[in-house]
Amino acid sequence: MRRSSSNGGVMTAGSLLLLCFLVMTGCAATRIQQVWRDESYQGGRLGSVLVIVLVSNPTARMKFESEFVKHFKQRGIKAVESFRSLEMETLTGKGARDAVVETMRASGYDAVLLTRVVDRDTKEDIIPGMTITTGFGYAGSYAGASYVFSGPSAPTTQGYSHEREFLGLETSLFSASTEKLIWSARSETRITTSAVEEISPYVSVVAGKLLREPFFR
């Protein structure tokens, strides 16, 4: 007869909840590896941000910047996408810094948020083949020894390899008044479908951490 108790039921439910949490976080496509902040920053709350994403694909750039803007606006922070006023050729040319500074001063932004790709890597997982063996016989013992007789082996399965693509991204926040870096996050994103489809989850993770910082509260 199986015995059960209310405590056992609670523990089982808690274990299942923990397991679900571990599965979800373990499968998360974006993992923040490092966060840095300027502990000496005394500039107060930032109320407006110019969002810049340095990617060559125009569609990806627009989606990237718009996703960040959406998160800022949800917190009551004015934010504007750079694609509305700055061409990618301008942002990647020799006069990029001057162009950004001029835009910040003309529009009165408090800060600039810059995201760029810093690394791209492919990792290969080798899955070895295996042989499946069936078994039958007497699972008992005689004179301290037990006997199991192996049956015929099934054909060996073929090994295979699986490639995973990772994108290293860096998102940095600069103060408009001092033009200095005040916050930065390095992350690794696993590309499971297309790079464009990973934009929203990435921004959600990074913006969630950034908007908890003192200069946005």
N, C-alpha and C. Protein backbone atom coordinates (compact mmCIF):
# COMPACT_ATOMS: atom_id res chain seq x y z
N MET A 1 0.84 -1.21 0.00
CA MET A 1 0.00 0.00 0.00
C MET A 1 0.86 1.24 0.00
N ARG A 2 0.56 2.24 -0.84
CA ARG A 2 1.36 3.46 -0.96
C ARG A 2 0.85 4.49 0.04
N ARG A 3 1.76 5.06 0.82
CA ARG A 3 1.40 6.06 1.79
C ARG A 3 1.67 7.45 1.23
N SER A 4 0.82 8.40 1.58
CA SER A 4 1.01 9.78 1.14
C SER A 4 0.72 10.71 2.30
N SER A 5 1.23 11.91 2.23
CA SER A 5 1.01 12.90 3.28
C SER A 5 0.90 14.26 2.63
N SER A 6 0.33 15.23 3.36
CA SER A 6 0.20 16.58 2.83
C SER A 6 1.55 17.21 2.60
N ASN A 7 2.53 16.96 3.48
CA ASN A 7 3.88 17.49 3.31
C ASN A 7 4.52 16.96 2.05
N GLY A 8 4.32 15.63 1.80
CA GLY A 8 4.89 15.05 0.60
C GLY A 8 4.32 15.68 -0.65
N GLY A 9 3.00 15.99 -0.61
CA GLY A 9 2.38 16.61 -1.76
C GLY A 9 2.94 17.98 -2.04
N VAL A 10 3.18 18.76 -0.96
CA VAL A 10 3.73 20.10 -1.12
C VAL A 10 5.13 20.03 -1.70
N MET A 11 5.93 19.11 -1.19
CA MET A 11 7.30 18.97 -1.68
C MET A 11 7.31 18.56 -3.15
N THR A 12 6.39 17.69 -3.54
CA THR A 12 6.34 17.26 -4.93
C THR A 12 5.99 18.42 -5.85
N ALA A 13 5.02 19.22 -5.45
CA ALA A 13 4.62 20.38 -6.24
C ALA A 13 5.77 21.37 -6.34
N GLY A 14 6.46 21.57 -5.20
CA GLY A 14 7.59 22.49 -5.22
C GLY A 14 8.71 22.00 -6.10
N SER A 15 8.94 20.68 -6.07
CA SER A 15 10.00 20.12 -6.91
C SER A 15 9.68 20.28 -8.38
N LEU A 16 8.40 20.06 -8.73
CA LEU A 16 7.99 20.22 -10.12
C LEU A 16 8.13 21.66 -10.57
N LEU A 17 7.79 22.61 -9.68
CA LEU A 17 7.91 24.03 -10.02
C LEU A 17 9.37 24.40 -10.24
N LEU A 18 10.25 23.89 -9.36
CA LEU A 18 11.67 24.16 -9.50
C LEU A 18 12.20 23.55 -10.79
N LEU A 19 11.76 22.35 -11.11
CA LEU A 19 12.21 21.69 -12.33
C LEU A 19 11.80 22.50 -13.56
N CYS A 20 10.56 22.97 -13.58
CA CYS A 20 10.10 23.79 -14.70
C CYS A 20 10.92 25.05 -14.84
N PHE A 21 11.25 25.67 -13.69
CA PHE A 21 12.05 26.90 -13.72
C PHE A 21 13.44 26.62 -14.29
N LEU A 22 14.05 25.54 -13.86
CA LEU A 22 15.38 25.20 -14.34
C LEU A 22 15.36 24.88 -15.83
N VAL A 23 14.32 24.22 -16.29
CA VAL A 23 14.21 23.90 -17.71
C VAL A 23 14.09 25.17 -18.53
N MET A 24 13.25 26.11 -18.06
CA MET A 24 13.03 27.34 -18.82
C MET A 24 14.28 28.20 -18.86
N THR A 25 14.96 28.35 -17.71
CA THR A 25 16.15 29.18 -17.70
C THR A 25 17.30 28.50 -18.42
N GLY A 26 17.36 27.16 -18.35
CA GLY A 26 18.43 26.46 -19.03
C GLY A 26 18.32 26.57 -20.54
N CYS A 27 17.09 26.76 -21.03
CA CYS A 27 16.87 26.85 -22.47
C CYS A 27 16.86 28.29 -22.97
N ALA A 28 17.06 29.25 -22.08
CA ALA A 28 17.03 30.65 -22.49
C ALA A 28 18.11 30.91 -23.53
N ALA A 29 17.74 31.61 -24.59
CA ALA A 29 18.67 31.85 -25.70
C ALA A 29 19.74 32.86 -25.34
N THR A 30 19.43 33.83 -24.50
CA THR A 30 20.38 34.89 -24.14
C THR A 30 20.87 34.70 -22.71
N ARG A 31 22.18 34.75 -22.54
CA ARG A 31 22.79 34.64 -21.22
C ARG A 31 23.74 35.81 -21.01
N ILE A 32 23.46 36.64 -20.02
CA ILE A 32 24.34 37.77 -19.73
C ILE A 32 25.58 37.26 -19.02
N GLN A 33 26.74 37.57 -19.56
CA GLN A 33 28.00 37.07 -19.02
C GLN A 33 28.66 38.05 -18.07
N GLN A 34 28.51 39.33 -18.33
CA GLN A 34 29.21 40.32 -17.51
C GLN A 34 28.46 41.65 -17.55
N VAL A 35 28.35 42.31 -16.40
CA VAL A 35 27.74 43.63 -16.31
C VAL A 35 28.69 44.56 -15.57
N TRP A 36 28.87 45.75 -16.12
CA TRP A 36 29.73 46.76 -15.49
C TRP A 36 28.96 48.06 -15.35
N ARG A 37 29.15 48.76 -14.23
CA ARG A 37 28.55 50.08 -14.06
C ARG A 37 29.56 51.03 -13.44
N ASP A 38 29.42 52.29 -13.74
CA ASP A 38 30.27 53.33 -13.15
C ASP A 38 29.71 53.68 -11.78
N GLU A 39 30.35 53.19 -10.74
CA GLU A 39 29.87 53.41 -9.38
C GLU A 39 29.99 54.87 -8.96
N SER A 40 30.78 55.65 -9.69
CA SER A 40 30.96 57.05 -9.33
C SER A 40 29.96 57.98 -10.01
N TYR A 41 29.06 57.40 -10.81
CA TYR A 41 28.09 58.23 -11.54
C TYR A 41 27.20 59.00 -10.58
N GLN A 42 27.10 60.31 -10.79
CA GLN A 42 26.29 61.18 -9.93
C GLN A 42 25.35 62.05 -10.76
N GLY A 43 25.04 61.64 -11.97
CA GLY A 43 24.26 62.47 -12.87
C GLY A 43 22.76 62.45 -12.67
N GLY A 44 22.26 61.65 -11.73
CA GLY A 44 20.82 61.61 -11.50
C GLY A 44 20.09 60.72 -12.50
N ARG A 45 18.76 60.79 -12.45
CA ARG A 45 17.93 59.93 -13.28
C ARG A 45 18.00 60.37 -14.74
N LEU A 46 18.09 59.40 -15.62
CA LEU A 46 18.12 59.65 -17.06
C LEU A 46 16.70 59.59 -17.60
N GLY A 47 16.26 60.66 -18.25
CA GLY A 47 14.88 60.72 -18.71
C GLY A 47 14.69 60.55 -20.19
N SER A 48 15.78 60.58 -20.97
CA SER A 48 15.65 60.43 -22.43
C SER A 48 16.88 59.74 -22.99
N VAL A 49 16.66 58.85 -23.95
CA VAL A 49 17.74 58.01 -24.48
C VAL A 49 17.65 57.93 -26.00
N LEU A 50 18.80 58.06 -26.66
CA LEU A 50 18.91 57.80 -28.09
C LEU A 50 19.42 56.36 -28.23
N VAL A 51 18.67 55.53 -28.95
CA VAL A 51 19.01 54.11 -29.07
C VAL A 51 19.68 53.85 -30.42
N ILE A 52 20.89 53.29 -30.36
CA ILE A 52 21.66 52.98 -31.58
C ILE A 52 22.02 51.50 -31.57
N VAL A 53 21.73 50.82 -32.67
CA VAL A 53 22.13 49.42 -32.83
C VAL A 53 22.93 49.31 -34.12
N LEU A 54 24.16 48.85 -34.02
CA LEU A 54 25.05 48.77 -35.17
C LEU A 54 24.98 47.38 -35.81
N VAL A 55 24.00 47.21 -36.67
CA VAL A 55 23.90 45.99 -37.49
C VAL A 55 23.65 46.43 -38.92
N SER A 56 24.16 45.68 -39.87
CA SER A 56 24.09 46.09 -41.27
C SER A 56 22.71 45.87 -41.90
N ASN A 57 21.96 44.91 -41.36
CA ASN A 57 20.64 44.61 -41.90
C ASN A 57 19.64 45.67 -41.45
N PRO A 58 19.07 46.46 -42.37
CA PRO A 58 18.15 47.54 -41.99
C PRO A 58 16.93 47.07 -41.21
N THR A 59 16.38 45.92 -41.61
CA THR A 59 15.20 45.39 -40.91
C THR A 59 15.54 45.01 -39.48
N ALA A 60 16.68 44.35 -39.30
CA ALA A 60 17.12 43.96 -37.96
C ALA A 60 17.39 45.19 -37.11
N ARG A 61 18.02 46.21 -37.70
CA ARG A 61 18.31 47.43 -36.95
C ARG A 61 17.03 48.11 -36.46
N MET A 62 16.05 48.23 -37.35
CA MET A 62 14.79 48.87 -36.97
C MET A 62 14.08 48.11 -35.86
N LYS A 63 14.05 46.78 -35.97
CA LYS A 63 13.39 45.96 -34.95
C LYS A 63 14.13 46.06 -33.63
N PHE A 64 15.46 45.98 -33.68
CA PHE A 64 16.29 46.06 -32.49
C PHE A 64 16.03 47.37 -31.75
N GLU A 65 16.15 48.48 -32.45
CA GLU A 65 16.01 49.79 -31.82
C GLU A 65 14.59 50.01 -31.31
N SER A 66 13.61 49.58 -32.09
CA SER A 66 12.21 49.76 -31.68
C SER A 66 11.87 48.95 -30.44
N GLU A 67 12.46 47.77 -30.30
CA GLU A 67 12.22 46.94 -29.12
C GLU A 67 12.77 47.63 -27.87
N PHE A 68 13.98 48.20 -27.96
CA PHE A 68 14.53 48.93 -26.82
C PHE A 68 13.65 50.13 -26.47
N VAL A 69 13.25 50.88 -27.48
CA VAL A 69 12.40 52.06 -27.27
C VAL A 69 11.11 51.67 -26.56
N LYS A 70 10.51 50.56 -26.96
CA LYS A 70 9.28 50.09 -26.34
C LYS A 70 9.46 49.86 -24.84
N HIS A 71 10.56 49.23 -24.46
CA HIS A 71 10.81 48.96 -23.04
C HIS A 71 11.05 50.24 -22.26
N PHE A 72 11.76 51.19 -22.85
CA PHE A 72 11.99 52.47 -22.17
C PHE A 72 10.67 53.21 -21.96
N LYS A 73 9.85 53.27 -22.98
CA LYS A 73 8.59 54.00 -22.89
C LYS A 73 7.64 53.37 -21.87
N GLN A 74 7.72 52.07 -21.73
CA GLN A 74 6.88 51.40 -20.72
C GLN A 74 7.24 51.84 -19.31
N ARG A 75 8.47 52.33 -19.14
CA ARG A 75 8.91 52.85 -17.84
C ARG A 75 8.81 54.38 -17.76
N GLY A 76 8.18 54.99 -18.73
CA GLY A 76 8.01 56.43 -18.71
C GLY A 76 9.25 57.20 -19.10
N ILE A 77 10.14 56.57 -19.85
CA ILE A 77 11.39 57.21 -20.28
C ILE A 77 11.31 57.51 -21.77
N LYS A 78 11.59 58.72 -22.14
CA LYS A 78 11.57 59.09 -23.55
C LYS A 78 12.73 58.40 -24.26
N ALA A 79 12.45 57.77 -25.38
CA ALA A 79 13.48 57.09 -26.15
C ALA A 79 13.15 57.19 -27.64
N VAL A 80 14.19 57.32 -28.45
CA VAL A 80 14.02 57.48 -29.89
C VAL A 80 15.02 56.59 -30.62
N GLU A 81 14.55 55.96 -31.70
CA GLU A 81 15.43 55.12 -32.52
C GLU A 81 16.34 55.99 -33.38
N SER A 82 17.60 55.57 -33.50
CA SER A 82 18.55 56.36 -34.28
C SER A 82 18.29 56.26 -35.78
N PHE A 83 17.62 55.18 -36.23
CA PHE A 83 17.40 55.05 -37.67
C PHE A 83 16.52 56.18 -38.22
N ARG A 84 15.85 56.91 -37.35
CA ARG A 84 15.00 58.01 -37.79
C ARG A 84 15.81 59.24 -38.19
N SER A 85 17.06 59.32 -37.73
CA SER A 85 17.85 60.52 -38.02
C SER A 85 19.28 60.26 -38.46
N LEU A 86 19.78 59.04 -38.26
CA LEU A 86 21.17 58.74 -38.58
C LEU A 86 21.27 57.52 -39.49
N GLU A 87 21.94 57.68 -40.62
CA GLU A 87 22.18 56.57 -41.54
C GLU A 87 23.27 55.66 -40.98
N MET A 88 23.22 54.38 -41.35
CA MET A 88 24.24 53.44 -40.90
C MET A 88 25.62 53.84 -41.41
N GLU A 89 25.68 54.39 -42.61
CA GLU A 89 26.97 54.84 -43.16
C GLU A 89 27.57 55.93 -42.29
N THR A 90 26.72 56.77 -41.71
CA THR A 90 27.20 57.83 -40.82
C THR A 90 27.72 57.25 -39.52
N LEU A 91 27.02 56.24 -38.99
CA LEU A 91 27.40 55.64 -37.71
C LEU A 91 28.64 54.77 -37.80
N THR A 92 29.00 54.35 -38.99
CA THR A 92 30.19 53.49 -39.15
C THR A 92 31.34 54.24 -39.82
N GLY A 93 31.15 55.50 -40.13
CA GLY A 93 32.20 56.28 -40.78
C GLY A 93 33.13 56.96 -39.78
N LYS A 94 34.07 57.72 -40.30
CA LYS A 94 35.07 58.37 -39.44
C LYS A 94 34.45 59.44 -38.54
N GLY A 95 33.39 60.07 -39.01
CA GLY A 95 32.78 61.13 -38.22
C GLY A 95 31.61 60.66 -37.37
N ALA A 96 31.57 59.36 -37.04
CA ALA A 96 30.44 58.78 -36.30
C ALA A 96 30.27 59.44 -34.93
N ARG A 97 31.35 59.58 -34.18
CA ARG A 97 31.25 60.14 -32.83
C ARG A 97 30.70 61.56 -32.87
N ASP A 98 31.22 62.38 -33.77
CA ASP A 98 30.77 63.76 -33.87
C ASP A 98 29.30 63.83 -34.27
N ALA A 99 28.86 62.93 -35.16
CA ALA A 99 27.48 62.92 -35.59
C ALA A 99 26.54 62.56 -34.45
N VAL A 100 26.93 61.59 -33.62
CA VAL A 100 26.11 61.19 -32.48
C VAL A 100 26.05 62.30 -31.44
N VAL A 101 27.20 62.90 -31.14
CA VAL A 101 27.24 64.00 -30.16
C VAL A 101 26.36 65.16 -30.62
N GLU A 102 26.44 65.49 -31.89
CA GLU A 102 25.63 66.59 -32.43
C GLU A 102 24.13 66.29 -32.31
N THR A 103 23.76 65.05 -32.60
CA THR A 103 22.36 64.64 -32.49
C THR A 103 21.89 64.70 -31.05
N MET A 104 22.72 64.25 -30.12
CA MET A 104 22.36 64.27 -28.71
C MET A 104 22.12 65.70 -28.23
N ARG A 105 23.03 66.60 -28.58
CA ARG A 105 22.92 67.98 -28.12
C ARG A 105 21.74 68.71 -28.76
N ALA A 106 21.51 68.41 -30.05
CA ALA A 106 20.41 69.09 -30.75
C ALA A 106 19.05 68.67 -30.20
N SER A 107 18.93 67.42 -29.78
CA SER A 107 17.64 66.91 -29.29
C SER A 107 17.56 66.84 -27.78
N GLY A 108 18.65 67.12 -27.08
CA GLY A 108 18.63 67.15 -25.62
C GLY A 108 18.52 65.80 -24.94
N TYR A 109 19.08 64.75 -25.55
CA TYR A 109 19.06 63.44 -24.91
C TYR A 109 19.98 63.41 -23.69
N ASP A 110 19.58 62.62 -22.70
CA ASP A 110 20.39 62.44 -21.49
C ASP A 110 21.46 61.37 -21.68
N ALA A 111 21.19 60.42 -22.59
CA ALA A 111 22.12 59.29 -22.74
C ALA A 111 21.97 58.65 -24.12
N VAL A 112 22.97 57.84 -24.46
CA VAL A 112 22.95 57.06 -25.68
C VAL A 112 23.13 55.59 -25.32
N LEU A 113 22.26 54.74 -25.86
CA LEU A 113 22.39 53.29 -25.67
C LEU A 113 22.88 52.70 -26.98
N LEU A 114 24.04 52.04 -26.93
CA LEU A 114 24.67 51.50 -28.13
C LEU A 114 24.81 49.98 -28.02
N THR A 115 24.29 49.27 -29.01
CA THR A 115 24.41 47.81 -29.06
C THR A 115 25.17 47.41 -30.31
N ARG A 116 26.13 46.49 -30.16
CA ARG A 116 26.91 46.04 -31.32
C ARG A 116 27.28 44.57 -31.15
N VAL A 117 27.55 43.93 -32.28
CA VAL A 117 28.01 42.54 -32.28
C VAL A 117 29.51 42.52 -32.05
N VAL A 118 29.97 41.75 -31.09
CA VAL A 118 31.39 41.69 -30.78
C VAL A 118 32.00 40.32 -31.08
N ASP A 119 31.15 39.32 -31.29
CA ASP A 119 31.69 37.98 -31.53
C ASP A 119 30.63 37.10 -32.17
N ARG A 120 31.09 36.15 -32.97
CA ARG A 120 30.21 35.14 -33.57
C ARG A 120 30.95 33.81 -33.51
N ASP A 121 30.29 32.79 -32.99
CA ASP A 121 30.97 31.52 -32.79
C ASP A 121 30.03 30.36 -33.10
N THR A 122 30.60 29.29 -33.60
CA THR A 122 29.85 28.07 -33.87
C THR A 122 30.47 26.93 -33.07
N LYS A 123 29.64 26.25 -32.29
CA LYS A 123 30.09 25.13 -31.49
C LYS A 123 29.47 23.84 -32.01
N GLU A 124 30.30 22.81 -32.10
CA GLU A 124 29.83 21.53 -32.64
C GLU A 124 29.72 20.50 -31.53
N ASP A 125 28.55 19.89 -31.41
CA ASP A 125 28.32 18.81 -30.46
C ASP A 125 28.39 17.47 -31.20
N ILE A 126 29.22 16.57 -30.72
CA ILE A 126 29.36 15.25 -31.32
C ILE A 126 28.51 14.25 -30.53
N ILE A 127 27.54 13.66 -31.19
CA ILE A 127 26.67 12.66 -30.56
C ILE A 127 27.13 11.28 -31.03
N PRO A 128 27.75 10.48 -30.15
CA PRO A 128 28.28 9.18 -30.58
C PRO A 128 27.17 8.17 -30.87
N GLY A 129 27.48 7.19 -31.69
CA GLY A 129 26.53 6.11 -31.95
C GLY A 129 26.48 5.16 -30.76
N MET A 130 25.49 4.26 -30.76
CA MET A 130 25.39 3.32 -29.64
C MET A 130 24.79 2.01 -30.13
N THR A 131 25.02 0.94 -29.34
CA THR A 131 24.48 -0.38 -29.65
C THR A 131 23.44 -0.74 -28.60
N ILE A 132 22.26 -1.13 -29.05
CA ILE A 132 21.17 -1.49 -28.14
C ILE A 132 21.19 -3.00 -27.93
N THR A 133 21.28 -3.41 -26.67
CA THR A 133 21.33 -4.84 -26.34
C THR A 133 20.10 -5.23 -25.55
N THR A 134 19.43 -6.31 -25.97
CA THR A 134 18.29 -6.82 -25.21
C THR A 134 18.78 -7.89 -24.25
N GLY A 135 18.06 -8.09 -23.16
CA GLY A 135 18.49 -9.08 -22.18
C GLY A 135 17.34 -9.95 -21.69
N PHE A 136 17.63 -11.22 -21.32
CA PHE A 136 16.63 -12.09 -20.75
C PHE A 136 17.38 -13.09 -19.87
N GLY A 137 16.65 -13.78 -19.02
CA GLY A 137 17.29 -14.79 -18.19
C GLY A 137 16.78 -14.76 -16.78
N TYR A 138 17.46 -15.46 -15.92
CA TYR A 138 17.05 -15.62 -14.54
C TYR A 138 17.78 -14.57 -13.70
N ALA A 139 17.01 -13.62 -13.13
CA ALA A 139 17.61 -12.55 -12.33
C ALA A 139 17.64 -12.97 -10.88
N GLY A 140 18.31 -14.08 -10.58
CA GLY A 140 18.40 -14.55 -9.21
C GLY A 140 19.84 -14.81 -8.83
N SER A 141 20.04 -15.54 -7.81
CA SER A 141 21.42 -15.80 -7.39
C SER A 141 21.53 -17.24 -6.89
N TYR A 142 22.71 -17.77 -7.03
CA TYR A 142 22.99 -19.13 -6.53
C TYR A 142 24.42 -19.12 -6.05
N ALA A 143 24.57 -19.45 -4.79
CA ALA A 143 25.89 -19.49 -4.17
C ALA A 143 26.59 -18.12 -4.30
N GLY A 144 25.78 -17.04 -4.11
CA GLY A 144 26.37 -15.70 -4.12
C GLY A 144 26.57 -15.12 -5.50
N ALA A 145 26.18 -15.82 -6.57
CA ALA A 145 26.38 -15.30 -7.92
C ALA A 145 25.02 -15.11 -8.59
N SER A 146 24.89 -14.10 -9.42
CA SER A 146 23.65 -13.87 -10.16
C SER A 146 23.90 -14.05 -11.64
N TYR A 147 22.86 -14.44 -12.36
CA TYR A 147 23.02 -14.78 -13.77
C TYR A 147 22.04 -14.00 -14.63
N VAL A 148 22.54 -13.37 -15.68
CA VAL A 148 21.71 -12.72 -16.68
C VAL A 148 22.28 -13.08 -18.04
N PHE A 149 21.43 -13.55 -18.95
CA PHE A 149 21.89 -13.94 -20.26
C PHE A 149 21.53 -12.85 -21.27
N SER A 150 22.51 -12.37 -21.99
CA SER A 150 22.27 -11.31 -22.98
C SER A 150 21.65 -11.86 -24.23
N GLY A 151 20.73 -11.06 -24.80
CA GLY A 151 20.11 -11.45 -26.05
C GLY A 151 20.87 -10.85 -27.22
N PRO A 152 20.33 -10.96 -28.39
CA PRO A 152 21.00 -10.43 -29.58
C PRO A 152 21.05 -8.90 -29.56
N SER A 153 22.06 -8.33 -30.16
CA SER A 153 22.23 -6.88 -30.21
C SER A 153 21.57 -6.31 -31.44
N ALA A 154 20.94 -5.15 -31.27
CA ALA A 154 20.37 -4.44 -32.41
C ALA A 154 21.50 -3.74 -33.15
N PRO A 155 21.27 -3.35 -34.39
CA PRO A 155 22.32 -2.66 -35.14
C PRO A 155 22.78 -1.39 -34.43
N THR A 156 24.04 -1.06 -34.55
CA THR A 156 24.60 0.15 -33.93
C THR A 156 24.06 1.38 -34.64
N THR A 157 23.57 2.36 -33.85
CA THR A 157 23.08 3.60 -34.44
C THR A 157 24.26 4.47 -34.86
N GLN A 158 24.06 5.26 -35.88
CA GLN A 158 25.12 6.11 -36.39
C GLN A 158 25.29 7.37 -35.53
N GLY A 159 26.51 7.75 -35.30
CA GLY A 159 26.77 9.01 -34.61
C GLY A 159 26.51 10.18 -35.54
N TYR A 160 26.34 11.35 -34.97
CA TYR A 160 26.11 12.53 -35.79
C TYR A 160 26.60 13.77 -35.03
N SER A 161 26.72 14.87 -35.73
CA SER A 161 27.15 16.11 -35.12
C SER A 161 26.07 17.17 -35.27
N HIS A 162 26.05 18.10 -34.32
CA HIS A 162 25.04 19.16 -34.32
C HIS A 162 25.75 20.48 -34.03
N GLU A 163 25.54 21.46 -34.91
CA GLU A 163 26.19 22.75 -34.74
C GLU A 163 25.23 23.76 -34.09
N ARG A 164 25.77 24.54 -33.15
CA ARG A 164 25.02 25.60 -32.51
C ARG A 164 25.73 26.93 -32.76
N GLU A 165 24.97 27.93 -33.18
CA GLU A 165 25.56 29.24 -33.47
C GLU A 165 25.29 30.20 -32.33
N PHE A 166 26.33 30.92 -31.93
CA PHE A 166 26.22 31.87 -30.83
C PHE A 166 26.67 33.26 -31.31
N LEU A 167 25.97 34.27 -30.81
CA LEU A 167 26.28 35.65 -31.15
C LEU A 167 26.64 36.40 -29.87
N GLY A 168 27.82 37.00 -29.85
CA GLY A 168 28.23 37.81 -28.71
C GLY A 168 27.82 39.26 -28.94
N LEU A 169 27.07 39.83 -28.01
CA LEU A 169 26.58 41.20 -28.13
C LEU A 169 27.02 42.03 -26.93
N GLU A 170 27.22 43.31 -27.18
CA GLU A 170 27.57 44.23 -26.11
C GLU A 170 26.62 45.44 -26.18
N THR A 171 25.98 45.75 -25.08
CA THR A 171 25.10 46.91 -24.99
C THR A 171 25.69 47.88 -23.97
N SER A 172 25.93 49.11 -24.40
CA SER A 172 26.60 50.10 -23.56
C SER A 172 25.79 51.38 -23.46
N LEU A 173 25.81 51.98 -22.28
CA LEU A 173 25.09 53.23 -22.03
C LEU A 173 26.09 54.35 -21.74
N PHE A 174 25.97 55.45 -22.49
CA PHE A 174 26.86 56.59 -22.34
C PHE A 174 26.09 57.81 -21.85
N SER A 175 26.67 58.55 -20.94
CA SER A 175 26.07 59.80 -20.46
C SER A 175 26.29 60.89 -21.51
N ALA A 176 25.24 61.64 -21.82
CA ALA A 176 25.37 62.72 -22.81
C ALA A 176 26.16 63.90 -22.25
N SER A 177 26.04 64.15 -20.97
CA SER A 177 26.71 65.31 -20.37
C SER A 177 28.22 65.13 -20.28
N THR A 178 28.67 63.90 -19.98
CA THR A 178 30.10 63.65 -19.82
C THR A 178 30.70 62.88 -20.99
N GLU A 179 29.83 62.29 -21.83
CA GLU A 179 30.25 61.44 -22.96
C GLU A 179 31.04 60.23 -22.49
N LYS A 180 30.81 59.80 -21.25
CA LYS A 180 31.53 58.66 -20.68
C LYS A 180 30.61 57.46 -20.54
N LEU A 181 31.22 56.26 -20.59
CA LEU A 181 30.49 55.02 -20.40
C LEU A 181 30.07 54.90 -18.94
N ILE A 182 28.78 54.62 -18.70
CA ILE A 182 28.31 54.47 -17.32
C ILE A 182 27.73 53.08 -17.04
N TRP A 183 27.48 52.30 -18.09
CA TRP A 183 26.95 50.94 -17.90
C TRP A 183 27.22 50.11 -19.15
N SER A 184 27.49 48.83 -18.95
CA SER A 184 27.74 47.96 -20.10
C SER A 184 27.43 46.51 -19.73
N ALA A 185 26.90 45.77 -20.70
CA ALA A 185 26.60 44.35 -20.49
C ALA A 185 27.08 43.55 -21.69
N ARG A 186 27.80 42.46 -21.42
CA ARG A 186 28.23 41.52 -22.45
C ARG A 186 27.35 40.29 -22.33
N SER A 187 26.92 39.77 -23.46
CA SER A 187 26.03 38.62 -23.42
C SER A 187 26.31 37.67 -24.58
N GLU A 188 25.77 36.47 -24.44
CA GLU A 188 25.87 35.47 -25.49
C GLU A 188 24.46 35.00 -25.83
N THR A 189 24.13 35.05 -27.11
CA THR A 189 22.80 34.63 -27.57
C THR A 189 22.92 33.43 -28.49
N ARG A 190 22.20 32.38 -28.17
CA ARG A 190 22.18 31.18 -29.01
C ARG A 190 21.12 31.36 -30.09
N ILE A 191 21.54 31.27 -31.34
CA ILE A 191 20.62 31.44 -32.46
C ILE A 191 19.92 30.11 -32.72
N THR A 192 18.66 30.03 -32.33
CA THR A 192 17.92 28.78 -32.49
C THR A 192 17.06 28.78 -33.75
N THR A 193 16.66 29.94 -34.21
CA THR A 193 15.86 30.01 -35.44
C THR A 193 16.57 30.96 -36.41
N SER A 194 16.15 32.20 -36.44
CA SER A 194 16.85 33.23 -37.22
C SER A 194 17.29 34.32 -36.27
N ALA A 195 18.33 35.06 -36.65
CA ALA A 195 18.86 36.10 -35.77
C ALA A 195 17.80 37.16 -35.47
N VAL A 196 16.98 37.49 -36.45
CA VAL A 196 15.95 38.51 -36.25
C VAL A 196 14.94 38.09 -35.18
N GLU A 197 14.60 36.80 -35.15
CA GLU A 197 13.63 36.31 -34.18
C GLU A 197 14.19 36.29 -32.76
N GLU A 198 15.50 36.37 -32.61
CA GLU A 198 16.11 36.38 -31.28
C GLU A 198 16.20 37.80 -30.71
N ILE A 199 15.84 38.82 -31.49
CA ILE A 199 15.98 40.20 -31.05
C ILE A 199 15.10 40.52 -29.84
N SER A 200 13.82 40.20 -29.94
CA SER A 200 12.89 40.52 -28.85
C SER A 200 13.29 39.87 -27.52
N PRO A 201 13.62 38.56 -27.50
CA PRO A 201 14.05 37.95 -26.24
C PRO A 201 15.33 38.58 -25.70
N TYR A 202 16.26 38.92 -26.60
CA TYR A 202 17.51 39.54 -26.16
C TYR A 202 17.23 40.89 -25.49
N VAL A 203 16.47 41.73 -26.16
CA VAL A 203 16.17 43.06 -25.62
C VAL A 203 15.43 42.95 -24.30
N SER A 204 14.53 42.00 -24.20
CA SER A 204 13.78 41.82 -22.96
C SER A 204 14.71 41.51 -21.78
N VAL A 205 15.70 40.64 -22.01
CA VAL A 205 16.65 40.28 -20.95
C VAL A 205 17.53 41.47 -20.57
N VAL A 206 18.11 42.12 -21.58
CA VAL A 206 19.05 43.21 -21.31
C VAL A 206 18.35 44.45 -20.76
N ALA A 207 17.23 44.82 -21.37
CA ALA A 207 16.49 45.99 -20.89
C ALA A 207 15.96 45.76 -19.48
N GLY A 208 15.55 44.54 -19.19
CA GLY A 208 15.07 44.23 -17.85
C GLY A 208 16.13 44.48 -16.79
N LYS A 209 17.38 44.13 -17.10
CA LYS A 209 18.48 44.35 -16.16
C LYS A 209 18.87 45.83 -16.12
N LEU A 210 18.95 46.47 -17.28
CA LEU A 210 19.35 47.87 -17.35
C LEU A 210 18.37 48.78 -16.62
N LEU A 211 17.08 48.56 -16.79
CA LEU A 211 16.09 49.46 -16.22
C LEU A 211 15.92 49.30 -14.71
N ARG A 212 16.63 48.34 -14.13
CA ARG A 212 16.66 48.22 -12.67
C ARG A 212 17.79 49.03 -12.06
N GLU A 213 18.63 49.61 -12.90
CA GLU A 213 19.76 50.40 -12.40
C GLU A 213 19.26 51.73 -11.81
N PRO A 214 20.02 52.30 -10.85
CA PRO A 214 19.58 53.53 -10.16
C PRO A 214 19.30 54.71 -11.07
N PHE A 215 20.05 54.83 -12.19
CA PHE A 215 19.84 56.00 -13.03
C PHE A 215 18.59 55.94 -13.89
N PHE A 216 17.79 54.88 -13.74
CA PHE A 216 16.49 54.83 -14.43
C PHE A 216 15.34 54.68 -13.45
N ARG A 217 15.60 54.84 -12.18
CA ARG A 217 14.54 54.71 -11.17
C ARG A 217 14.22 56.05 -10.52
